N, C-alpha and C. Protein backbone atom coordinates (compact mmCIF):
# COMPACT_ATOMS: atom_id res chain seq x y z
N MET A 1 -29.44 34.77 11.51
CA MET A 1 -28.73 33.50 11.49
C MET A 1 -27.65 33.52 12.56
N ARG A 2 -27.67 32.55 13.44
CA ARG A 2 -26.67 32.48 14.51
C ARG A 2 -25.31 32.10 13.94
N ASN A 3 -24.27 32.42 14.68
CA ASN A 3 -22.90 32.13 14.24
C ASN A 3 -22.66 30.66 13.96
N SER A 4 -23.31 29.76 14.72
CA SER A 4 -23.05 28.33 14.55
C SER A 4 -23.54 27.81 13.20
N TYR A 5 -24.45 28.52 12.57
CA TYR A 5 -24.96 28.09 11.27
C TYR A 5 -24.17 28.65 10.09
N ARG A 6 -23.35 29.64 10.35
CA ARG A 6 -22.59 30.26 9.25
C ARG A 6 -21.68 29.28 8.51
N PRO A 7 -20.89 28.45 9.22
CA PRO A 7 -20.07 27.50 8.47
C PRO A 7 -20.89 26.52 7.65
N LEU A 8 -22.03 26.08 8.19
CA LEU A 8 -22.89 25.17 7.43
C LEU A 8 -23.49 25.85 6.21
N ALA A 9 -23.92 27.09 6.39
CA ALA A 9 -24.48 27.83 5.25
C ALA A 9 -23.42 28.07 4.19
N THR A 10 -22.20 28.36 4.62
CA THR A 10 -21.11 28.56 3.68
C THR A 10 -20.79 27.27 2.94
N ALA A 11 -20.76 26.16 3.66
CA ALA A 11 -20.51 24.86 3.02
C ALA A 11 -21.61 24.53 2.03
N LEU A 12 -22.86 24.80 2.40
CA LEU A 12 -23.98 24.56 1.48
C LEU A 12 -23.84 25.40 0.23
N LEU A 13 -23.52 26.68 0.38
CA LEU A 13 -23.35 27.56 -0.77
C LEU A 13 -22.20 27.09 -1.65
N ALA A 14 -21.07 26.72 -1.04
CA ALA A 14 -19.93 26.21 -1.82
C ALA A 14 -20.30 24.93 -2.55
N GLY A 15 -21.03 24.04 -1.88
CA GLY A 15 -21.47 22.81 -2.53
C GLY A 15 -22.41 23.06 -3.69
N LEU A 16 -23.32 24.01 -3.53
CA LEU A 16 -24.22 24.36 -4.63
C LEU A 16 -23.46 24.92 -5.83
N ILE A 17 -22.51 25.80 -5.54
CA ILE A 17 -21.70 26.36 -6.64
C ILE A 17 -20.90 25.26 -7.32
N PHE A 18 -20.33 24.36 -6.54
CA PHE A 18 -19.57 23.23 -7.09
C PHE A 18 -20.47 22.35 -7.94
N GLY A 19 -21.65 22.02 -7.43
CA GLY A 19 -22.59 21.18 -8.17
C GLY A 19 -23.04 21.82 -9.48
N ILE A 20 -23.31 23.12 -9.44
CA ILE A 20 -23.70 23.83 -10.66
C ILE A 20 -22.55 23.80 -11.67
N GLY A 21 -21.34 24.01 -11.18
CA GLY A 21 -20.17 23.93 -12.06
C GLY A 21 -20.01 22.56 -12.69
N LEU A 22 -20.22 21.52 -11.89
CA LEU A 22 -20.14 20.15 -12.42
C LEU A 22 -21.20 19.92 -13.49
N ALA A 23 -22.41 20.40 -13.24
CA ALA A 23 -23.49 20.21 -14.21
C ALA A 23 -23.22 21.00 -15.48
N LEU A 24 -22.77 22.25 -15.36
CA LEU A 24 -22.49 23.07 -16.55
C LEU A 24 -21.37 22.48 -17.40
N SER A 25 -20.38 21.89 -16.76
CA SER A 25 -19.26 21.31 -17.50
C SER A 25 -19.55 19.87 -17.94
N ARG A 26 -20.75 19.39 -17.63
CA ARG A 26 -21.20 18.04 -17.97
C ARG A 26 -20.36 16.95 -17.30
N MET A 27 -19.75 17.26 -16.17
CA MET A 27 -18.97 16.26 -15.46
C MET A 27 -19.86 15.26 -14.74
N THR A 28 -21.16 15.48 -14.74
CA THR A 28 -22.10 14.53 -14.16
C THR A 28 -22.48 13.45 -15.18
N ASP A 29 -21.98 13.55 -16.40
CA ASP A 29 -22.29 12.60 -17.47
C ASP A 29 -21.18 11.54 -17.52
N PRO A 30 -21.48 10.29 -17.14
CA PRO A 30 -20.44 9.26 -17.14
C PRO A 30 -19.78 9.05 -18.50
N GLN A 31 -20.53 9.25 -19.58
CA GLN A 31 -19.94 9.06 -20.90
C GLN A 31 -18.85 10.09 -21.17
N LYS A 32 -19.02 11.30 -20.66
CA LYS A 32 -18.00 12.35 -20.82
C LYS A 32 -16.70 11.92 -20.14
N ILE A 33 -16.81 11.31 -18.98
CA ILE A 33 -15.63 10.83 -18.25
C ILE A 33 -14.98 9.69 -19.02
N LYS A 34 -15.79 8.76 -19.47
CA LYS A 34 -15.24 7.62 -20.22
C LYS A 34 -14.58 8.08 -21.51
N ASP A 35 -15.14 9.10 -22.17
CA ASP A 35 -14.51 9.63 -23.39
C ASP A 35 -13.16 10.27 -23.09
N PHE A 36 -13.01 10.84 -21.89
CA PHE A 36 -11.72 11.41 -21.50
C PHE A 36 -10.71 10.30 -21.21
N LEU A 37 -11.16 9.24 -20.56
CA LEU A 37 -10.25 8.17 -20.17
C LEU A 37 -9.90 7.22 -21.32
N ASP A 38 -10.57 7.34 -22.45
CA ASP A 38 -10.34 6.46 -23.60
C ASP A 38 -9.21 7.00 -24.47
N PHE A 39 -7.98 6.79 -24.04
CA PHE A 39 -6.82 7.29 -24.79
C PHE A 39 -6.65 6.58 -26.13
N ALA A 40 -7.22 5.40 -26.27
CA ALA A 40 -7.13 4.68 -27.53
C ALA A 40 -7.90 5.39 -28.64
N ALA A 41 -8.80 6.30 -28.27
CA ALA A 41 -9.59 7.03 -29.26
C ALA A 41 -8.87 8.27 -29.79
N ILE A 42 -7.68 8.56 -29.29
CA ILE A 42 -6.95 9.75 -29.74
C ILE A 42 -6.67 9.72 -31.25
N PRO A 43 -6.20 8.61 -31.82
CA PRO A 43 -5.89 8.64 -33.26
C PRO A 43 -7.09 8.95 -34.16
N ASN A 44 -8.28 8.52 -33.77
CA ASN A 44 -9.43 8.78 -34.64
C ASN A 44 -10.22 10.02 -34.22
N GLY A 45 -9.70 10.80 -33.27
CA GLY A 45 -10.33 12.05 -32.86
C GLY A 45 -11.50 11.88 -31.91
N GLY A 46 -11.64 10.71 -31.29
CA GLY A 46 -12.75 10.47 -30.38
C GLY A 46 -12.46 10.79 -28.93
N TRP A 47 -11.24 11.20 -28.64
CA TRP A 47 -10.86 11.50 -27.25
C TRP A 47 -11.37 12.88 -26.88
N ASP A 48 -11.90 13.04 -25.68
CA ASP A 48 -12.43 14.32 -25.20
C ASP A 48 -11.52 14.88 -24.10
N PRO A 49 -10.68 15.87 -24.43
CA PRO A 49 -9.73 16.40 -23.44
C PRO A 49 -10.33 17.42 -22.49
N SER A 50 -11.61 17.75 -22.60
CA SER A 50 -12.18 18.84 -21.82
C SER A 50 -12.09 18.62 -20.31
N LEU A 51 -12.11 17.38 -19.86
CA LEU A 51 -12.00 17.11 -18.43
C LEU A 51 -10.66 17.60 -17.89
N ALA A 52 -9.62 17.53 -18.68
CA ALA A 52 -8.31 18.01 -18.23
C ALA A 52 -8.38 19.51 -17.92
N PHE A 53 -9.14 20.27 -18.69
CA PHE A 53 -9.28 21.70 -18.44
C PHE A 53 -10.10 21.95 -17.17
N VAL A 54 -11.14 21.15 -16.97
CA VAL A 54 -11.95 21.28 -15.75
C VAL A 54 -11.08 20.96 -14.53
N MET A 55 -10.30 19.87 -14.60
CA MET A 55 -9.43 19.50 -13.48
C MET A 55 -8.36 20.56 -13.26
N GLY A 56 -7.80 21.10 -14.34
CA GLY A 56 -6.80 22.16 -14.20
C GLY A 56 -7.37 23.40 -13.54
N GLY A 57 -8.58 23.78 -13.92
CA GLY A 57 -9.25 24.92 -13.28
C GLY A 57 -9.49 24.66 -11.81
N GLY A 58 -9.92 23.45 -11.48
CA GLY A 58 -10.13 23.08 -10.08
C GLY A 58 -8.83 23.10 -9.29
N LEU A 59 -7.75 22.65 -9.93
CA LEU A 59 -6.45 22.66 -9.28
C LEU A 59 -6.00 24.09 -8.97
N LEU A 60 -6.21 25.00 -9.91
CA LEU A 60 -5.83 26.40 -9.67
C LEU A 60 -6.64 27.01 -8.53
N VAL A 61 -7.94 26.75 -8.50
CA VAL A 61 -8.78 27.27 -7.41
C VAL A 61 -8.32 26.68 -6.08
N ALA A 62 -8.05 25.38 -6.04
CA ALA A 62 -7.60 24.74 -4.80
C ALA A 62 -6.25 25.30 -4.35
N LEU A 63 -5.35 25.52 -5.30
CA LEU A 63 -4.05 26.07 -4.97
C LEU A 63 -4.18 27.43 -4.30
N VAL A 64 -5.02 28.28 -4.85
CA VAL A 64 -5.25 29.60 -4.26
C VAL A 64 -5.91 29.45 -2.89
N GLY A 65 -6.95 28.62 -2.83
CA GLY A 65 -7.66 28.44 -1.57
C GLY A 65 -6.80 27.89 -0.46
N LEU A 66 -5.92 26.95 -0.79
CA LEU A 66 -5.07 26.35 0.23
C LEU A 66 -3.95 27.28 0.69
N ARG A 67 -3.68 28.32 -0.06
CA ARG A 67 -2.64 29.27 0.33
C ARG A 67 -3.21 30.54 0.95
N LEU A 68 -4.53 30.68 0.97
CA LEU A 68 -5.14 31.88 1.55
C LEU A 68 -4.84 32.03 3.03
N ASP A 69 -4.62 30.93 3.73
CA ASP A 69 -4.35 31.02 5.16
C ASP A 69 -3.10 31.84 5.45
N ARG A 70 -2.19 31.86 4.51
CA ARG A 70 -0.96 32.64 4.71
C ARG A 70 -1.21 34.13 4.56
N VAL A 71 -2.27 34.47 3.83
CA VAL A 71 -2.56 35.88 3.57
C VAL A 71 -3.55 36.44 4.59
N ILE A 72 -4.63 35.70 4.86
CA ILE A 72 -5.66 36.27 5.73
C ILE A 72 -5.47 35.94 7.21
N GLY A 73 -4.62 34.96 7.52
CA GLY A 73 -4.28 34.68 8.92
C GLY A 73 -5.32 33.91 9.71
N ARG A 74 -6.59 34.27 9.62
CA ARG A 74 -7.66 33.62 10.38
C ARG A 74 -8.88 33.48 9.48
N PRO A 75 -9.54 32.32 9.52
CA PRO A 75 -10.75 32.17 8.69
C PRO A 75 -11.87 33.08 9.17
N LEU A 76 -12.81 33.35 8.28
CA LEU A 76 -13.89 34.27 8.60
C LEU A 76 -14.96 33.67 9.51
N LEU A 77 -15.22 32.38 9.39
CA LEU A 77 -16.38 31.80 10.07
C LEU A 77 -16.08 30.76 11.13
N VAL A 78 -14.84 30.36 11.26
CA VAL A 78 -14.46 29.39 12.28
C VAL A 78 -13.20 29.90 12.99
N PRO A 79 -12.91 29.37 14.18
CA PRO A 79 -11.78 29.91 14.95
C PRO A 79 -10.41 29.74 14.30
N GLU A 80 -10.19 28.61 13.61
CA GLU A 80 -8.85 28.38 13.04
C GLU A 80 -8.94 27.51 11.79
N PHE A 81 -7.89 27.55 10.99
CA PHE A 81 -7.81 26.70 9.81
C PHE A 81 -7.53 25.27 10.23
N GLN A 82 -8.07 24.32 9.49
CA GLN A 82 -7.79 22.92 9.75
C GLN A 82 -6.64 22.48 8.86
N GLN A 83 -5.61 21.96 9.47
CA GLN A 83 -4.44 21.49 8.73
C GLN A 83 -4.45 19.97 8.72
N GLY A 84 -4.07 19.39 7.60
CA GLY A 84 -3.99 17.94 7.50
C GLY A 84 -2.89 17.38 8.39
N ARG A 85 -3.14 16.20 8.93
CA ARG A 85 -2.14 15.56 9.80
C ARG A 85 -1.11 14.80 8.99
N ARG A 86 -1.54 14.26 7.88
CA ARG A 86 -0.65 13.39 7.10
C ARG A 86 0.05 14.19 6.01
N THR A 87 1.34 13.97 5.90
CA THR A 87 2.13 14.71 4.92
C THR A 87 2.94 13.80 4.00
N GLN A 88 2.84 12.48 4.20
CA GLN A 88 3.64 11.56 3.40
C GLN A 88 2.76 10.76 2.45
N ILE A 89 3.36 10.36 1.34
CA ILE A 89 2.70 9.43 0.42
C ILE A 89 2.99 8.04 0.94
N ASP A 90 1.92 7.34 1.40
CA ASP A 90 2.11 6.01 1.97
C ASP A 90 1.23 4.99 1.24
N THR A 91 1.32 3.75 1.66
CA THR A 91 0.59 2.66 1.01
C THR A 91 -0.93 2.88 1.02
N PRO A 92 -1.54 3.26 2.15
CA PRO A 92 -2.99 3.49 2.12
C PRO A 92 -3.40 4.58 1.13
N LEU A 93 -2.60 5.62 1.01
CA LEU A 93 -2.91 6.69 0.07
C LEU A 93 -2.86 6.17 -1.37
N VAL A 94 -1.82 5.43 -1.70
CA VAL A 94 -1.67 4.89 -3.06
C VAL A 94 -2.78 3.89 -3.37
N LEU A 95 -3.08 3.00 -2.41
CA LEU A 95 -4.15 2.03 -2.63
C LEU A 95 -5.50 2.72 -2.76
N GLY A 96 -5.75 3.70 -1.93
CA GLY A 96 -7.01 4.45 -2.02
C GLY A 96 -7.14 5.17 -3.35
N ALA A 97 -6.06 5.77 -3.82
CA ALA A 97 -6.08 6.44 -5.12
C ALA A 97 -6.34 5.45 -6.25
N ALA A 98 -5.74 4.27 -6.14
CA ALA A 98 -5.95 3.24 -7.16
C ALA A 98 -7.40 2.76 -7.18
N VAL A 99 -7.97 2.52 -6.01
CA VAL A 99 -9.37 2.09 -5.93
C VAL A 99 -10.28 3.19 -6.48
N PHE A 100 -10.00 4.43 -6.10
CA PHE A 100 -10.76 5.57 -6.61
C PHE A 100 -10.69 5.62 -8.14
N GLY A 101 -9.50 5.51 -8.69
CA GLY A 101 -9.31 5.57 -10.13
C GLY A 101 -10.01 4.45 -10.87
N VAL A 102 -9.92 3.25 -10.34
CA VAL A 102 -10.60 2.11 -10.97
C VAL A 102 -12.11 2.31 -10.93
N GLY A 103 -12.63 2.73 -9.78
CA GLY A 103 -14.07 2.97 -9.67
C GLY A 103 -14.53 4.08 -10.59
N TRP A 104 -13.73 5.12 -10.71
CA TRP A 104 -14.06 6.24 -11.59
C TRP A 104 -14.08 5.78 -13.03
N GLY A 105 -13.06 5.03 -13.42
CA GLY A 105 -12.97 4.55 -14.80
C GLY A 105 -14.08 3.58 -15.16
N LEU A 106 -14.44 2.70 -14.24
CA LEU A 106 -15.49 1.72 -14.52
C LEU A 106 -16.89 2.33 -14.55
N SER A 107 -17.14 3.28 -13.65
CA SER A 107 -18.49 3.82 -13.54
C SER A 107 -18.67 5.14 -14.28
N GLY A 108 -17.59 5.89 -14.44
CA GLY A 108 -17.70 7.22 -15.03
C GLY A 108 -18.09 8.27 -14.00
N PHE A 109 -18.16 7.89 -12.73
CA PHE A 109 -18.53 8.83 -11.68
C PHE A 109 -17.42 8.93 -10.65
N CYS A 110 -17.21 10.12 -10.13
CA CYS A 110 -16.45 10.29 -8.91
C CYS A 110 -17.40 10.93 -7.91
N PRO A 111 -17.04 11.02 -6.63
CA PRO A 111 -18.01 11.40 -5.60
C PRO A 111 -18.78 12.70 -5.84
N GLY A 112 -18.10 13.78 -6.13
CA GLY A 112 -18.80 15.06 -6.32
C GLY A 112 -19.81 15.01 -7.46
N PRO A 113 -19.39 14.65 -8.65
CA PRO A 113 -20.35 14.55 -9.75
C PRO A 113 -21.46 13.53 -9.51
N ALA A 114 -21.17 12.45 -8.80
CA ALA A 114 -22.20 11.45 -8.53
C ALA A 114 -23.30 12.04 -7.66
N ILE A 115 -22.91 12.76 -6.63
CA ILE A 115 -23.91 13.37 -5.75
C ILE A 115 -24.69 14.45 -6.51
N ALA A 116 -23.99 15.23 -7.34
CA ALA A 116 -24.69 16.24 -8.16
C ALA A 116 -25.64 15.56 -9.14
N ALA A 117 -25.23 14.42 -9.67
CA ALA A 117 -26.07 13.71 -10.65
C ALA A 117 -27.32 13.12 -10.03
N LEU A 118 -27.35 12.97 -8.70
CA LEU A 118 -28.56 12.47 -8.04
C LEU A 118 -29.77 13.35 -8.36
N SER A 119 -29.53 14.64 -8.55
CA SER A 119 -30.64 15.54 -8.86
C SER A 119 -31.00 15.56 -10.34
N ILE A 120 -30.13 15.00 -11.17
CA ILE A 120 -30.35 15.04 -12.62
C ILE A 120 -30.77 13.68 -13.16
N ILE A 121 -29.99 12.65 -12.80
CA ILE A 121 -30.25 11.30 -13.31
C ILE A 121 -30.23 10.29 -12.16
N PRO A 122 -31.15 10.43 -11.21
CA PRO A 122 -31.08 9.56 -10.02
C PRO A 122 -31.18 8.08 -10.33
N ASP A 123 -31.92 7.70 -11.35
CA ASP A 123 -32.06 6.28 -11.67
C ASP A 123 -30.76 5.65 -12.15
N GLN A 124 -29.82 6.45 -12.64
CA GLN A 124 -28.57 5.93 -13.15
C GLN A 124 -27.44 5.99 -12.12
N VAL A 125 -27.62 6.73 -11.04
CA VAL A 125 -26.50 6.95 -10.14
C VAL A 125 -26.75 6.54 -8.69
N TRP A 126 -27.96 6.26 -8.29
CA TRP A 126 -28.25 5.99 -6.88
C TRP A 126 -27.47 4.79 -6.36
N LEU A 127 -27.33 3.75 -7.17
CA LEU A 127 -26.61 2.57 -6.72
C LEU A 127 -25.13 2.88 -6.49
N PHE A 128 -24.55 3.69 -7.39
CA PHE A 128 -23.16 4.10 -7.21
C PHE A 128 -23.00 4.88 -5.92
N VAL A 129 -23.88 5.84 -5.65
CA VAL A 129 -23.78 6.66 -4.44
C VAL A 129 -23.94 5.78 -3.20
N LEU A 130 -24.88 4.86 -3.24
CA LEU A 130 -25.06 3.94 -2.12
C LEU A 130 -23.79 3.12 -1.88
N ALA A 131 -23.20 2.58 -2.94
CA ALA A 131 -21.97 1.80 -2.82
C ALA A 131 -20.81 2.68 -2.34
N MET A 132 -20.76 3.92 -2.80
CA MET A 132 -19.72 4.85 -2.39
C MET A 132 -19.83 5.14 -0.89
N LEU A 133 -21.03 5.39 -0.41
CA LEU A 133 -21.22 5.65 1.01
C LEU A 133 -20.88 4.43 1.86
N ALA A 134 -21.29 3.25 1.39
CA ALA A 134 -20.98 2.01 2.11
C ALA A 134 -19.47 1.79 2.14
N GLY A 135 -18.82 1.99 1.01
CA GLY A 135 -17.36 1.83 0.95
C GLY A 135 -16.64 2.81 1.84
N SER A 136 -17.12 4.05 1.89
CA SER A 136 -16.51 5.06 2.78
C SER A 136 -16.67 4.67 4.24
N TRP A 137 -17.85 4.18 4.59
CA TRP A 137 -18.09 3.76 5.97
C TRP A 137 -17.18 2.57 6.32
N ILE A 138 -17.11 1.58 5.43
CA ILE A 138 -16.27 0.40 5.68
C ILE A 138 -14.81 0.81 5.81
N ALA A 139 -14.35 1.69 4.93
CA ALA A 139 -12.96 2.15 5.01
C ALA A 139 -12.71 2.85 6.34
N GLY A 140 -13.64 3.67 6.79
CA GLY A 140 -13.50 4.34 8.08
C GLY A 140 -13.42 3.35 9.23
N GLU A 141 -14.24 2.31 9.17
CA GLU A 141 -14.21 1.28 10.21
C GLU A 141 -12.87 0.54 10.21
N VAL A 142 -12.37 0.22 9.01
CA VAL A 142 -11.09 -0.48 8.92
C VAL A 142 -9.96 0.39 9.47
N ILE A 143 -9.96 1.66 9.10
CA ILE A 143 -8.93 2.57 9.59
C ILE A 143 -9.02 2.71 11.11
N GLU A 144 -10.24 2.87 11.61
CA GLU A 144 -10.41 3.01 13.06
C GLU A 144 -9.92 1.76 13.78
N HIS A 145 -10.25 0.60 13.25
CA HIS A 145 -9.82 -0.66 13.86
C HIS A 145 -8.29 -0.77 13.83
N ARG A 146 -7.70 -0.42 12.70
CA ARG A 146 -6.25 -0.51 12.55
C ARG A 146 -5.52 0.47 13.47
N GLU A 147 -6.12 1.64 13.71
CA GLU A 147 -5.48 2.64 14.57
C GLU A 147 -5.87 2.49 16.03
N GLY A 148 -6.56 1.42 16.34
CA GLY A 148 -6.89 1.13 17.74
C GLY A 148 -8.13 1.83 18.25
N GLY A 149 -8.99 2.31 17.35
CA GLY A 149 -10.25 2.90 17.77
C GLY A 149 -10.15 4.31 18.31
N ALA A 150 -9.00 4.95 18.19
CA ALA A 150 -8.84 6.29 18.75
C ALA A 150 -9.17 7.36 17.72
N THR A 151 -10.41 7.35 17.24
CA THR A 151 -10.81 8.38 16.27
C THR A 151 -12.01 9.13 16.82
N LEU A 152 -12.96 9.47 15.97
CA LEU A 152 -14.09 10.28 16.35
C LEU A 152 -14.96 9.66 17.44
N ARG A 153 -15.04 8.35 17.49
CA ARG A 153 -15.91 7.73 18.49
C ARG A 153 -15.43 8.05 19.90
N THR A 154 -14.13 8.15 20.11
CA THR A 154 -13.60 8.48 21.42
C THR A 154 -14.04 9.88 21.81
N ALA A 155 -13.95 10.80 20.86
CA ALA A 155 -14.35 12.19 21.12
C ALA A 155 -15.86 12.27 21.34
N ASP A 156 -16.63 11.51 20.57
CA ASP A 156 -18.08 11.52 20.72
C ASP A 156 -18.50 10.94 22.07
N ALA A 157 -17.80 9.94 22.56
CA ALA A 157 -18.15 9.31 23.83
C ALA A 157 -17.97 10.30 24.99
N GLY A 158 -16.97 11.15 24.89
CA GLY A 158 -16.75 12.14 25.95
C GLY A 158 -17.80 13.22 25.97
N ALA A 159 -18.51 13.43 24.85
CA ALA A 159 -19.51 14.48 24.78
C ALA A 159 -20.83 14.05 25.38
N GLU A 160 -21.00 12.76 25.64
CA GLU A 160 -22.29 12.27 26.16
C GLU A 160 -22.40 12.43 27.64
């Protein structure tokens, strides 16, 4: 395997592990998500808090992973770590989080579990995934237009 394929193979392996984890924890089941979000069911014992434990576990893994750069100095498969450009909580972030939350609550799916669910219950999730991809593309176009078109397309044009 050539060096250029190592990051892709690593991403594929990480995605498979993530997908298996989502399936084992039943996070691909929209009803499980809706049972977590139904706080009105707490008095009668119908609320399912297990998603909070899954999210907490994911948060701990992410916290460790995001701090590894301070310990290992250089990534194993790519030249350098990628650092986020944005550090402030702004209106687009809040609006995006709100849209994400509403979509998650209405459908019972968020992006990772929806893609994992394509292999389990494709007839129930394909429309959501299609809408998610279309929404992501539209959002990217809006952001690019708002920022004056100086995003990936500029870099891609120079490569031709």
